[in-house]
N, C-alpha and C. Protein backbone atom coordinates (compact mmCIF):
# COMPACT_ATOMS: atom_id res chain seq x y z
N MET A 1 -11.27 -1.49 -30.98
CA MET A 1 -11.23 -1.67 -29.66
C MET A 1 -12.17 -2.60 -28.23
N CYS A 2 -11.42 -3.61 -27.35
CA CYS A 2 -12.36 -4.59 -26.91
C CYS A 2 -12.21 -3.81 -25.66
N SER A 3 -14.49 -4.01 -24.68
CA SER A 3 -14.59 -3.16 -24.11
C SER A 3 -15.82 -5.01 -23.06
N ASN A 4 -15.00 -4.94 -22.15
CA ASN A 4 -16.15 -6.36 -21.30
C ASN A 4 -16.10 -5.08 -19.78
N ARG A 5 -17.68 -5.84 -19.63
CA ARG A 5 -18.14 -5.51 -18.21
C ARG A 5 -18.47 -6.63 -17.56
N ILE A 6 -18.23 -6.67 -16.16
CA ILE A 6 -18.26 -7.91 -15.08
C ILE A 6 -19.02 -7.28 -14.27
N PRO A 7 -20.63 -7.42 -14.69
CA PRO A 7 -21.58 -7.48 -13.18
C PRO A 7 -21.64 -8.21 -11.74
N ASP A 8 -22.19 -7.75 -11.60
CA ASP A 8 -22.47 -9.32 -10.04
C ASP A 8 -23.26 -10.88 -10.78
N SER A 9 -21.93 -11.11 -11.14
CA SER A 9 -22.68 -11.90 -11.20
C SER A 9 -23.14 -13.90 -11.14
N GLY A 10 -22.17 -13.61 -9.94
CA GLY A 10 -21.27 -15.17 -9.14
C GLY A 10 -20.03 -14.89 -8.98
N PHE A 11 -19.75 -16.60 -9.68
CA PHE A 11 -18.59 -17.04 -9.69
C PHE A 11 -18.11 -16.58 -11.42
N LEU A 12 -16.72 -16.05 -11.19
CA LEU A 12 -15.52 -15.81 -12.43
C LEU A 12 -14.84 -16.08 -12.08
N ASP A 13 -13.36 -17.44 -12.65
CA ASP A 13 -12.28 -17.26 -13.12
C ASP A 13 -11.08 -15.84 -12.53
N TRP A 14 -10.82 -15.19 -12.16
CA TRP A 14 -10.19 -14.61 -12.26
C TRP A 14 -8.87 -14.80 -12.60
N GLU A 15 -8.24 -16.43 -12.61
CA GLU A 15 -7.06 -15.84 -13.35
C GLU A 15 -7.60 -16.40 -15.36
N VAL A 16 -8.76 -16.32 -16.00
CA VAL A 16 -9.33 -16.20 -16.44
C VAL A 16 -8.99 -14.68 -17.67
N VAL A 17 -9.37 -13.53 -16.60
CA VAL A 17 -9.09 -12.39 -16.79
C VAL A 17 -7.76 -11.90 -17.14
N ALA A 18 -7.18 -12.20 -15.86
CA ALA A 18 -5.05 -12.13 -15.72
C ALA A 18 -4.98 -13.27 -16.94
N SER A 19 -4.94 -13.66 -17.02
CA SER A 19 -4.58 -14.00 -18.56
C SER A 19 -4.74 -13.06 -20.05
N ALA A 20 -6.27 -13.18 -20.14
CA ALA A 20 -6.19 -11.95 -21.39
C ALA A 20 -5.93 -11.62 -20.89
N LEU A 21 -5.34 -10.12 -19.73
CA LEU A 21 -4.71 -9.51 -19.94
C LEU A 21 -3.52 -9.96 -20.01
N LYS A 22 -2.64 -10.88 -19.61
CA LYS A 22 -1.23 -11.28 -20.04
C LYS A 22 -1.21 -11.14 -21.45
N SER A 23 -1.99 -11.11 -22.58
CA SER A 23 -1.99 -12.03 -23.45
C SER A 23 -1.24 -11.43 -24.32
N ASP A 24 -0.61 -11.81 -25.52
CA ASP A 24 -0.38 -10.83 -26.84
C ASP A 24 0.25 -11.47 -27.77
N PRO A 25 -0.63 -10.45 -28.88
CA PRO A 25 -0.96 -9.30 -28.07
C PRO A 25 -3.08 -8.96 -27.02
N SER A 26 -2.53 -7.56 -26.57
CA SER A 26 -3.78 -8.08 -25.75
C SER A 26 -5.15 -7.25 -25.47
N ASP A 27 -5.65 -7.95 -26.07
CA ASP A 27 -6.81 -6.56 -27.64
C ASP A 27 -8.29 -5.89 -26.33
N LEU A 28 -7.36 -6.19 -25.84
CA LEU A 28 -8.67 -5.67 -23.99
C LEU A 28 -8.49 -4.86 -23.65
N ARG A 29 -9.54 -3.70 -24.10
CA ARG A 29 -8.81 -2.18 -23.33
C ARG A 29 -10.03 -1.37 -22.21
N GLU A 30 -10.83 -1.79 -22.29
CA GLU A 30 -11.90 -1.78 -21.08
C GLU A 30 -11.34 -2.72 -20.35
N LEU A 31 -11.53 -2.09 -19.02
CA LEU A 31 -12.77 -3.74 -17.87
C LEU A 31 -12.80 -2.82 -16.53
N GLU A 32 -14.82 -3.56 -16.64
CA GLU A 32 -15.64 -2.64 -15.81
C GLU A 32 -16.34 -4.23 -14.62
N VAL A 33 -16.14 -3.61 -13.73
CA VAL A 33 -16.36 -4.67 -12.65
C VAL A 33 -16.81 -4.11 -11.72
N ILE A 34 -18.59 -4.07 -11.59
CA ILE A 34 -18.89 -4.34 -10.58
C ILE A 34 -19.92 -5.53 -9.62
N VAL A 35 -18.76 -6.59 -9.11
CA VAL A 35 -19.43 -6.79 -7.96
C VAL A 35 -17.94 -6.82 -6.75
N ASP A 36 -18.06 -7.72 -5.61
CA ASP A 36 -17.71 -7.84 -4.42
C ASP A 36 -15.88 -7.94 -4.97
N LEU A 37 -15.37 -8.03 -4.51
CA LEU A 37 -14.23 -8.76 -5.12
C LEU A 37 -13.16 -9.43 -3.28
N GLN A 38 -12.81 -10.75 -3.37
CA GLN A 38 -11.98 -10.72 -2.21
C GLN A 38 -10.27 -10.35 -2.27
N ASP A 39 -9.79 -10.13 -1.41
CA ASP A 39 -8.36 -9.36 -1.70
C ASP A 39 -7.88 -10.81 -2.60
N SER A 40 -7.70 -12.13 -2.70
CA SER A 40 -6.83 -12.87 -3.84
C SER A 40 -7.07 -12.87 -5.32
N GLU A 41 -8.93 -12.06 -5.34
CA GLU A 41 -9.51 -12.50 -7.02
C GLU A 41 -8.55 -10.58 -6.70
N VAL A 42 -8.36 -10.13 -6.73
CA VAL A 42 -8.19 -8.34 -6.93
C VAL A 42 -6.27 -9.05 -7.06
N GLU A 43 -5.46 -9.54 -6.75
CA GLU A 43 -4.36 -10.07 -7.18
C GLU A 43 -4.28 -10.81 -8.26
N GLN A 44 -5.34 -11.43 -8.14
CA GLN A 44 -4.64 -12.26 -9.68
C GLN A 44 -4.99 -11.48 -10.83
N LEU A 45 -6.48 -10.39 -10.57
CA LEU A 45 -6.32 -8.97 -11.61
C LEU A 45 -5.35 -7.92 -11.50
N SER A 46 -4.42 -8.22 -10.55
CA SER A 46 -3.47 -7.23 -10.73
C SER A 46 -1.68 -7.78 -11.17
N SER A 47 -2.09 -9.05 -11.62
CA SER A 47 -1.01 -10.08 -11.80
C SER A 47 -1.34 -10.16 -13.32
N GLY A 48 -2.51 -9.59 -13.66
CA GLY A 48 -2.90 -9.58 -15.49
C GLY A 48 -2.08 -8.51 -15.75
N LEU A 49 -2.43 -7.45 -14.80
CA LEU A 49 -1.80 -5.74 -14.57
C LEU A 49 -0.64 -5.61 -15.47
N LYS A 50 0.61 -6.48 -14.52
CA LYS A 50 1.10 -5.47 -14.30
C LYS A 50 2.51 -6.51 -15.17
N SER A 51 1.24 -6.86 -16.83
CA SER A 51 2.11 -7.44 -17.59
C SER A 51 2.48 -6.81 -19.13
N PRO A 52 3.64 -7.12 -19.14
CA PRO A 52 3.86 -5.99 -19.80
C PRO A 52 2.77 -6.01 -21.32
N ASN A 53 2.28 -7.77 -21.54
CA ASN A 53 1.23 -6.93 -22.95
C ASN A 53 -0.12 -7.25 -22.41
N CYS A 54 -0.34 -5.96 -20.89
CA CYS A 54 -1.20 -5.81 -20.74
C CYS A 54 -1.66 -4.30 -21.29
N ARG A 55 -2.68 -4.03 -22.03
CA ARG A 55 -3.15 -2.28 -23.14
C ARG A 55 -4.38 -1.91 -22.03
N LEU A 56 -4.70 -2.14 -20.38
CA LEU A 56 -5.79 -1.94 -20.11
C LEU A 56 -5.85 -0.16 -20.19
N LYS A 57 -7.03 1.25 -20.64
CA LYS A 57 -6.88 1.82 -21.29
C LYS A 57 -8.22 2.66 -19.23
N THR A 58 -8.77 1.23 -19.59
CA THR A 58 -9.11 1.84 -18.96
C THR A 58 -10.43 0.87 -17.46
N LEU A 59 -10.18 1.48 -16.63
CA LEU A 59 -10.15 0.29 -15.76
C LEU A 59 -11.32 0.51 -14.26
N ARG A 60 -12.73 -0.06 -14.36
CA ARG A 60 -13.71 0.77 -13.48
C ARG A 60 -14.30 -0.29 -12.63
N LEU A 61 -13.53 -0.36 -11.55
CA LEU A 61 -13.83 -1.56 -10.62
C LEU A 61 -15.16 -0.16 -9.03
N MET A 62 -15.50 -0.03 -9.85
CA MET A 62 -17.12 0.16 -8.67
C MET A 62 -18.09 -0.59 -7.71
N ASN A 63 -18.14 0.09 -6.98
CA ASN A 63 -18.73 -0.42 -5.46
C ASN A 63 -17.95 -2.47 -5.57
N CYS A 64 -16.31 -2.05 -5.26
CA CYS A 64 -16.31 -3.56 -5.07
C CYS A 64 -15.82 -4.10 -3.75
N ARG A 65 -15.83 -2.95 -2.86
CA ARG A 65 -15.89 -3.44 -1.36
C ARG A 65 -14.13 -3.24 -1.29
N LEU A 66 -13.10 -2.49 -2.06
CA LEU A 66 -12.12 -3.15 -2.31
C LEU A 66 -11.16 -3.09 -0.84
N SER A 67 -10.49 -4.25 0.76
CA SER A 67 -9.71 -4.04 0.73
C SER A 67 -8.66 -2.51 0.79
N GLU A 68 -7.60 -2.33 1.91
CA GLU A 68 -6.89 -2.56 2.65
C GLU A 68 -5.95 -3.04 1.52
N ILE A 69 -5.59 -4.66 1.23
CA ILE A 69 -5.36 -5.08 1.01
C ILE A 69 -4.73 -4.73 -1.12
N SER A 70 -5.98 -5.71 -1.33
CA SER A 70 -6.87 -5.14 -2.02
C SER A 70 -5.92 -4.35 -2.34
N CYS A 71 -6.20 -2.68 -2.54
CA CYS A 71 -5.79 -2.01 -2.75
C CYS A 71 -4.13 -1.43 -2.98
N SER A 72 -3.09 -2.17 -2.11
CA SER A 72 -1.94 -2.64 -2.36
C SER A 72 -1.73 -2.87 -3.74
N ALA A 73 -1.96 -4.82 -3.06
CA ALA A 73 -2.11 -4.63 -4.65
C ALA A 73 -2.36 -3.90 -6.64
N LEU A 74 -3.79 -3.78 -6.43
CA LEU A 74 -4.27 -2.97 -7.46
C LEU A 74 -3.40 -1.22 -7.14
N ILE A 75 -2.87 -1.00 -6.27
CA ILE A 75 -1.74 0.66 -5.98
C ILE A 75 -0.30 0.25 -7.05
N SER A 76 0.92 -1.54 -6.69
CA SER A 76 1.91 -1.98 -6.86
C SER A 76 1.33 -2.39 -8.33
N ALA A 77 -0.47 -2.90 -8.45
CA ALA A 77 0.87 -3.87 -10.38
C ALA A 77 -0.15 -2.74 -10.96
N LEU A 78 -0.40 -1.08 -10.76
CA LEU A 78 -0.38 -0.10 -11.08
C LEU A 78 0.58 0.54 -11.58
N LYS A 79 2.13 0.19 -10.41
CA LYS A 79 2.78 0.81 -11.34
C LYS A 79 3.51 0.65 -11.74
N SER A 80 3.41 -0.50 -12.33
CA SER A 80 4.72 -0.96 -13.59
C SER A 80 3.36 -0.55 -14.38
N ASN A 81 2.60 -0.30 -15.13
CA ASN A 81 1.60 -0.26 -16.35
C ASN A 81 1.34 1.16 -16.45
N ILE A 82 2.08 0.82 -18.66
CA ILE A 82 2.51 2.50 -18.86
C ILE A 82 1.53 2.63 -19.46
N HIS A 83 0.48 1.73 -19.94
CA HIS A 83 -1.42 2.56 -20.66
C HIS A 83 -2.49 2.80 -20.27
N LEU A 84 -2.31 1.52 -18.71
CA LEU A 84 -3.75 2.98 -17.73
C LEU A 84 -3.35 4.06 -17.62
N ARG A 85 -4.56 4.92 -18.82
CA ARG A 85 -5.07 6.73 -17.90
C ARG A 85 -6.27 6.97 -17.12
N ASP A 86 -7.42 5.71 -16.97
CA ASP A 86 -8.18 5.47 -16.58
C ASP A 86 -8.87 5.37 -15.26
N LEU A 87 -8.95 4.84 -14.24
CA LEU A 87 -9.04 4.40 -13.33
C LEU A 87 -10.37 5.06 -12.04
N ASP A 88 -11.67 3.94 -12.39
CA ASP A 88 -12.29 4.65 -11.54
C ASP A 88 -12.96 3.68 -10.04
N LEU A 89 -13.45 4.12 -8.80
CA LEU A 89 -13.07 3.78 -8.26
C LEU A 89 -14.15 3.72 -7.42
N SER A 90 -14.87 3.81 -7.87
CA SER A 90 -16.18 4.84 -7.14
C SER A 90 -16.64 3.79 -5.80
N TYR A 91 -17.48 4.26 -5.29
CA TYR A 91 -18.58 3.81 -4.37
C TYR A 91 -17.97 2.04 -3.77
N ASN A 92 -16.26 2.43 -2.74
CA ASN A 92 -15.61 1.29 -3.05
C ASN A 92 -15.66 1.47 -1.25
N ASP A 93 -16.30 3.23 -0.39
CA ASP A 93 -16.27 3.09 0.55
C ASP A 93 -13.96 2.45 1.25
N LEU A 94 -13.32 3.49 0.36
CA LEU A 94 -12.12 3.76 0.54
C LEU A 94 -12.06 3.92 2.85
N GLN A 95 -11.41 3.03 3.02
CA GLN A 95 -10.00 3.61 3.85
C GLN A 95 -8.99 4.58 4.20
N ASP A 96 -9.09 5.68 5.10
CA ASP A 96 -7.82 6.33 4.66
C ASP A 96 -6.02 5.97 4.17
N SER A 97 -5.72 4.78 4.27
CA SER A 97 -4.98 4.24 4.21
C SER A 97 -4.63 2.97 2.82
N GLY A 98 -6.20 3.02 2.77
CA GLY A 98 -6.39 3.04 0.08
C GLY A 98 -6.29 4.44 -0.50
N VAL A 99 -6.50 4.92 0.66
CA VAL A 99 -6.70 6.71 0.01
C VAL A 99 -4.71 6.83 -0.06
N GLU A 100 -4.70 6.91 0.81
CA GLU A 100 -3.40 7.21 0.87
C GLU A 100 -1.96 6.73 -0.14
N LEU A 101 -2.23 5.52 -0.26
CA LEU A 101 -2.69 3.93 -1.58
C LEU A 101 -2.46 4.83 -2.36
N LEU A 102 -3.14 5.32 -2.87
CA LEU A 102 -3.61 6.04 -3.52
C LEU A 102 -2.91 8.02 -4.63
N ARG A 103 -2.92 8.37 -3.48
CA ARG A 103 -2.75 9.71 -3.09
C ARG A 103 -0.58 9.39 -3.79
N ASP A 104 -0.36 8.09 -3.48
CA ASP A 104 1.31 7.34 -3.21
C ASP A 104 1.78 8.17 -4.44
N LEU A 105 0.39 7.01 -4.78
CA LEU A 105 1.09 6.66 -6.24
C LEU A 105 0.47 7.57 -7.53
N LEU A 106 -0.08 8.74 -6.85
CA LEU A 106 -0.38 9.77 -8.24
C LEU A 106 1.11 10.33 -7.85
N GLU A 107 1.82 11.04 -6.13
CA GLU A 107 3.09 11.23 -6.84
C GLU A 107 4.39 10.52 -7.67
N SER A 108 3.78 9.63 -7.74
CA SER A 108 4.54 8.90 -8.09
C SER A 108 5.67 9.65 -9.48
N PRO A 109 6.86 9.75 -9.94
CA PRO A 109 7.14 9.82 -11.89
C PRO A 109 6.44 8.67 -12.48
N ASP A 110 6.66 7.71 -12.39
CA ASP A 110 6.34 6.42 -12.89
C ASP A 110 4.20 6.43 -14.09
N CYS A 111 3.80 7.27 -12.50
CA CYS A 111 1.96 7.31 -12.87
C CYS A 111 2.30 7.51 -14.19
N ARG A 112 0.80 6.83 -14.97
CA ARG A 112 0.43 7.77 -16.11
C ARG A 112 -0.70 8.03 -15.95
N LEU A 113 -1.88 7.76 -14.84
CA LEU A 113 -2.82 7.79 -14.40
C LEU A 113 -3.41 9.59 -15.18
N GLU A 114 -4.70 9.64 -16.03
CA GLU A 114 -5.21 10.64 -16.21
C GLU A 114 -6.38 10.99 -15.45
N THR A 115 -6.86 10.19 -14.96
CA THR A 115 -8.37 10.15 -14.38
C THR A 115 -8.66 9.52 -13.16
N LEU A 116 -8.70 9.73 -11.79
CA LEU A 116 -9.24 8.78 -11.37
C LEU A 116 -10.43 9.33 -10.38
N ARG A 117 -10.59 8.23 -10.72
CA ARG A 117 -12.11 8.30 -9.07
C ARG A 117 -12.60 8.10 -8.56
N ILE A 118 -12.22 8.06 -7.22
CA ILE A 118 -12.18 7.88 -6.11
C ILE A 118 -13.41 7.62 -5.36
N ARG A 119 -14.89 8.87 -5.32
CA ARG A 119 -15.87 8.59 -5.19
C ARG A 119 -17.40 8.96 -5.66
N GLY A 120 -18.21 8.49 -6.44
CA GLY A 120 -19.43 8.83 -7.00
C GLY A 120 -19.06 9.92 -7.84
N GLY A 121 -19.03 10.20 -8.76
CA GLY A 121 -19.09 12.02 -10.11
C GLY A 121 -17.59 12.16 -9.24
N GLU A 122 -16.59 12.56 -8.94
CA GLU A 122 -15.53 12.53 -8.21
C GLU A 122 -14.55 12.11 -8.96
N THR A 123 -13.89 13.70 -9.65
CA THR A 123 -12.63 13.45 -10.84
C THR A 123 -11.31 14.03 -10.55
N ILE A 124 -10.39 12.90 -10.24
CA ILE A 124 -8.99 14.05 -9.68
C ILE A 124 -8.38 13.60 -11.16
N ASN A 125 -8.20 14.82 -11.63
CA ASN A 125 -7.37 14.76 -13.29
C ASN A 125 -5.74 14.92 -12.66
N ALA A 126 -5.40 12.92 -12.96
CA ALA A 126 -4.11 13.05 -12.08
C ALA A 126 -2.70 13.35 -12.66
N LYS A 127 -3.33 14.29 -14.32
CA LYS A 127 -1.64 14.78 -14.35
C LYS A 127 -1.40 16.20 -13.59
N ILE A 128 -2.74 16.97 -14.35
CA ILE A 128 -2.91 18.88 -12.95
C ILE A 128 -2.28 18.60 -11.73
N GLN A 129 -3.64 17.47 -10.83
CA GLN A 129 -3.76 18.04 -9.56
C GLN A 129 -3.09 16.64 -8.86
N LYS A 130 -1.46 16.85 -9.45
CA LYS A 130 -0.28 15.48 -7.96
C LYS A 130 -1.31 15.37 -6.94
N LYS A 131 -2.90 15.07 -6.11
CA LYS A 131 -2.67 14.65 -5.21
C LYS A 131 -3.95 14.48 -5.02
N CYS A 132 -4.61 13.22 -3.54
CA CYS A 132 -5.75 12.82 -4.51
C CYS A 132 -5.54 12.77 -2.51
N GLU A 133 -7.35 13.82 -2.40
CA GLU A 133 -8.06 14.64 -1.49
C GLU A 133 -9.25 13.67 -1.52
N TYR A 134 -9.61 12.57 -0.14
CA TYR A 134 -10.60 12.22 0.14
C TYR A 134 -11.67 12.99 1.28
């Protein structure tokens, strides 16, 4: 199992990350990102998450300052991703619109998430609790 952590280290080519997620076969199973993300970077990451070759099981986007646009791109990608089970969006100060998008994802019959974290330490067991409270 391949796991990668992307710390706050400055410049990173997100097209390369998306390409790694799209590769056949993709060996990347865990990805942890702790860096401010621009909407365009989340959109590139999301393009990789949408790929049928993406086998990522755990995605941690912590303290990335996700905007509503970023949340929307991420949620759209996750609706077509059948492998992701754990999503950690802790410390992103999500606005009501972002939380609502996550709730809609959890209520979707296509949602495969088992665990969702939206605040530090607060875990929502997605399979059991099909709602998202913020």
